[in-house]
Protein backbone atom coordinates (compact mmCIF):
# COMPACT_ATOMS: atom_id res chain seq x y z
CA MET A 1 71.93 78.22 74.01
CA ILE A 2 74.10 77.82 77.11
CA LEU A 3 74.36 81.56 77.85
CA LYS A 4 70.60 81.93 78.00
CA LYS A 5 70.36 78.84 80.20
CA VAL A 6 72.88 80.27 82.68
CA LEU A 7 71.22 83.71 82.71
CA GLU A 8 67.77 82.21 83.26
CA TYR A 9 69.05 80.02 86.09
CA ILE A 10 70.73 82.94 87.84
CA CYS A 11 67.58 85.02 87.36
CA ASP A 12 65.44 82.27 88.93
CA LYS A 13 67.76 81.80 91.91
CA GLY A 14 68.59 85.46 92.52
CA ARG A 15 72.11 85.00 93.86
CA ILE A 16 74.11 81.86 93.21
CA LYS A 17 77.64 80.43 93.30
CA VAL A 18 79.50 79.05 90.29
CA ASP A 19 79.62 75.57 91.90
CA GLU A 20 75.84 75.52 92.21
CA ILE A 21 75.31 76.59 88.60
CA SER A 22 77.77 73.95 87.43
CA GLN A 23 76.17 71.20 89.47
CA GLU A 24 72.54 72.06 88.69
CA LEU A 25 73.00 72.62 84.96
CA GLY A 26 75.62 69.91 84.39
CA ILE A 27 78.14 72.37 82.97
CA PRO A 28 81.86 72.15 83.86
CA LYS A 29 82.82 74.65 86.58
CA GLY A 30 85.56 76.21 84.43
CA LEU A 31 83.10 76.88 81.64
CA VAL A 32 80.60 78.41 84.06
CA GLU A 33 83.31 80.68 85.49
CA HIS A 34 84.33 81.72 81.97
CA ILE A 35 80.72 82.46 81.00
CA ALA A 36 80.18 84.38 84.24
CA GLN A 37 83.29 86.52 83.63
CA GLU A 38 82.16 87.27 80.07
CA LEU A 39 78.66 88.20 81.24
CA LYS A 40 80.10 90.31 84.06
CA GLY A 41 82.37 92.09 81.60
CA LYS A 42 79.33 92.96 79.50
CA GLU A 43 77.54 94.14 82.67
CA TYR A 44 74.85 91.43 82.51
CA LEU A 45 75.98 89.97 85.86
CA LYS A 46 77.32 91.36 89.13
CA ALA A 47 79.77 89.48 91.32
CA VAL A 48 78.76 89.60 94.96
CA THR A 49 80.62 88.64 98.11
CA PRO A 50 78.74 86.32 100.45
CA SER A 51 77.56 87.96 103.69
CA GLY A 52 80.18 88.09 106.41
CA GLU A 53 83.09 87.89 103.92
CA GLU A 54 83.36 91.52 102.91
CA GLY A 55 86.60 92.04 104.79
CA SER A 56 88.33 95.38 104.99
CA CYS A 57 87.15 96.46 101.52
CA SER A 58 83.49 96.68 102.50
CA PHE A 59 83.71 100.45 103.01
CA CYS A 60 85.56 101.21 99.76
CA PRO A 61 83.51 102.84 96.97
CA LEU A 62 85.66 100.99 94.40
CA ARG A 63 85.04 97.51 95.88
CA PHE A 64 82.92 96.41 92.89
CA THR A 65 85.47 97.67 90.37
CA TYR A 66 88.32 95.33 91.22
CA GLN A 67 88.61 91.56 91.06
CA ILE A 68 89.63 91.05 94.69
CA LYS A 69 89.11 87.59 96.10
CA THR A 70 88.62 87.25 99.81
CA ALA A 71 90.54 84.53 101.60
CA GLY A 72 88.48 81.39 101.32
CA GLY A 73 85.60 83.38 99.84
CA VAL A 74 83.41 81.85 97.17
CA LYS A 75 82.22 84.23 94.51
CA SER A 76 78.51 84.47 93.84
CA TYR A 77 76.72 86.15 90.98
CA MET A 78 73.42 87.89 90.50
CA LEU A 79 71.73 89.32 87.45
CA ALA A 80 72.36 92.99 86.77
CA GLU A 81 69.62 95.23 85.38
CA LYS A 82 71.15 94.97 81.91
CA GLY A 83 70.99 91.15 82.18
CA LYS A 84 67.29 91.30 83.12
CA LYS A 85 66.59 93.43 80.08
CA LEU A 86 68.49 90.99 77.87
CA LEU A 87 66.37 88.10 79.12
CA GLU A 88 63.18 90.09 78.62
CA SER A 89 64.19 90.73 75.02
CA GLY A 90 64.38 86.96 74.41
CA VAL A 91 68.20 86.86 74.15
């Protein structure tokens, strides 16, 4: 199952970009982004901004609520607690 494969890979790496997941697992980037958005919507993943690219929103308590892309920023993902529990359950 591709979802489990993506979750396990992100869990192993800790924090990873869509391009890296795509390249390492041989899955098209668009599909990885779609899967990541679905998993994020279900609170299995968290989108994180790479260090040094937080911009002016870094102080805002709502910064994780909105889909704001930083100029030239590449979105990374990490497993949320709910995602860890899903993997532990055997998906």
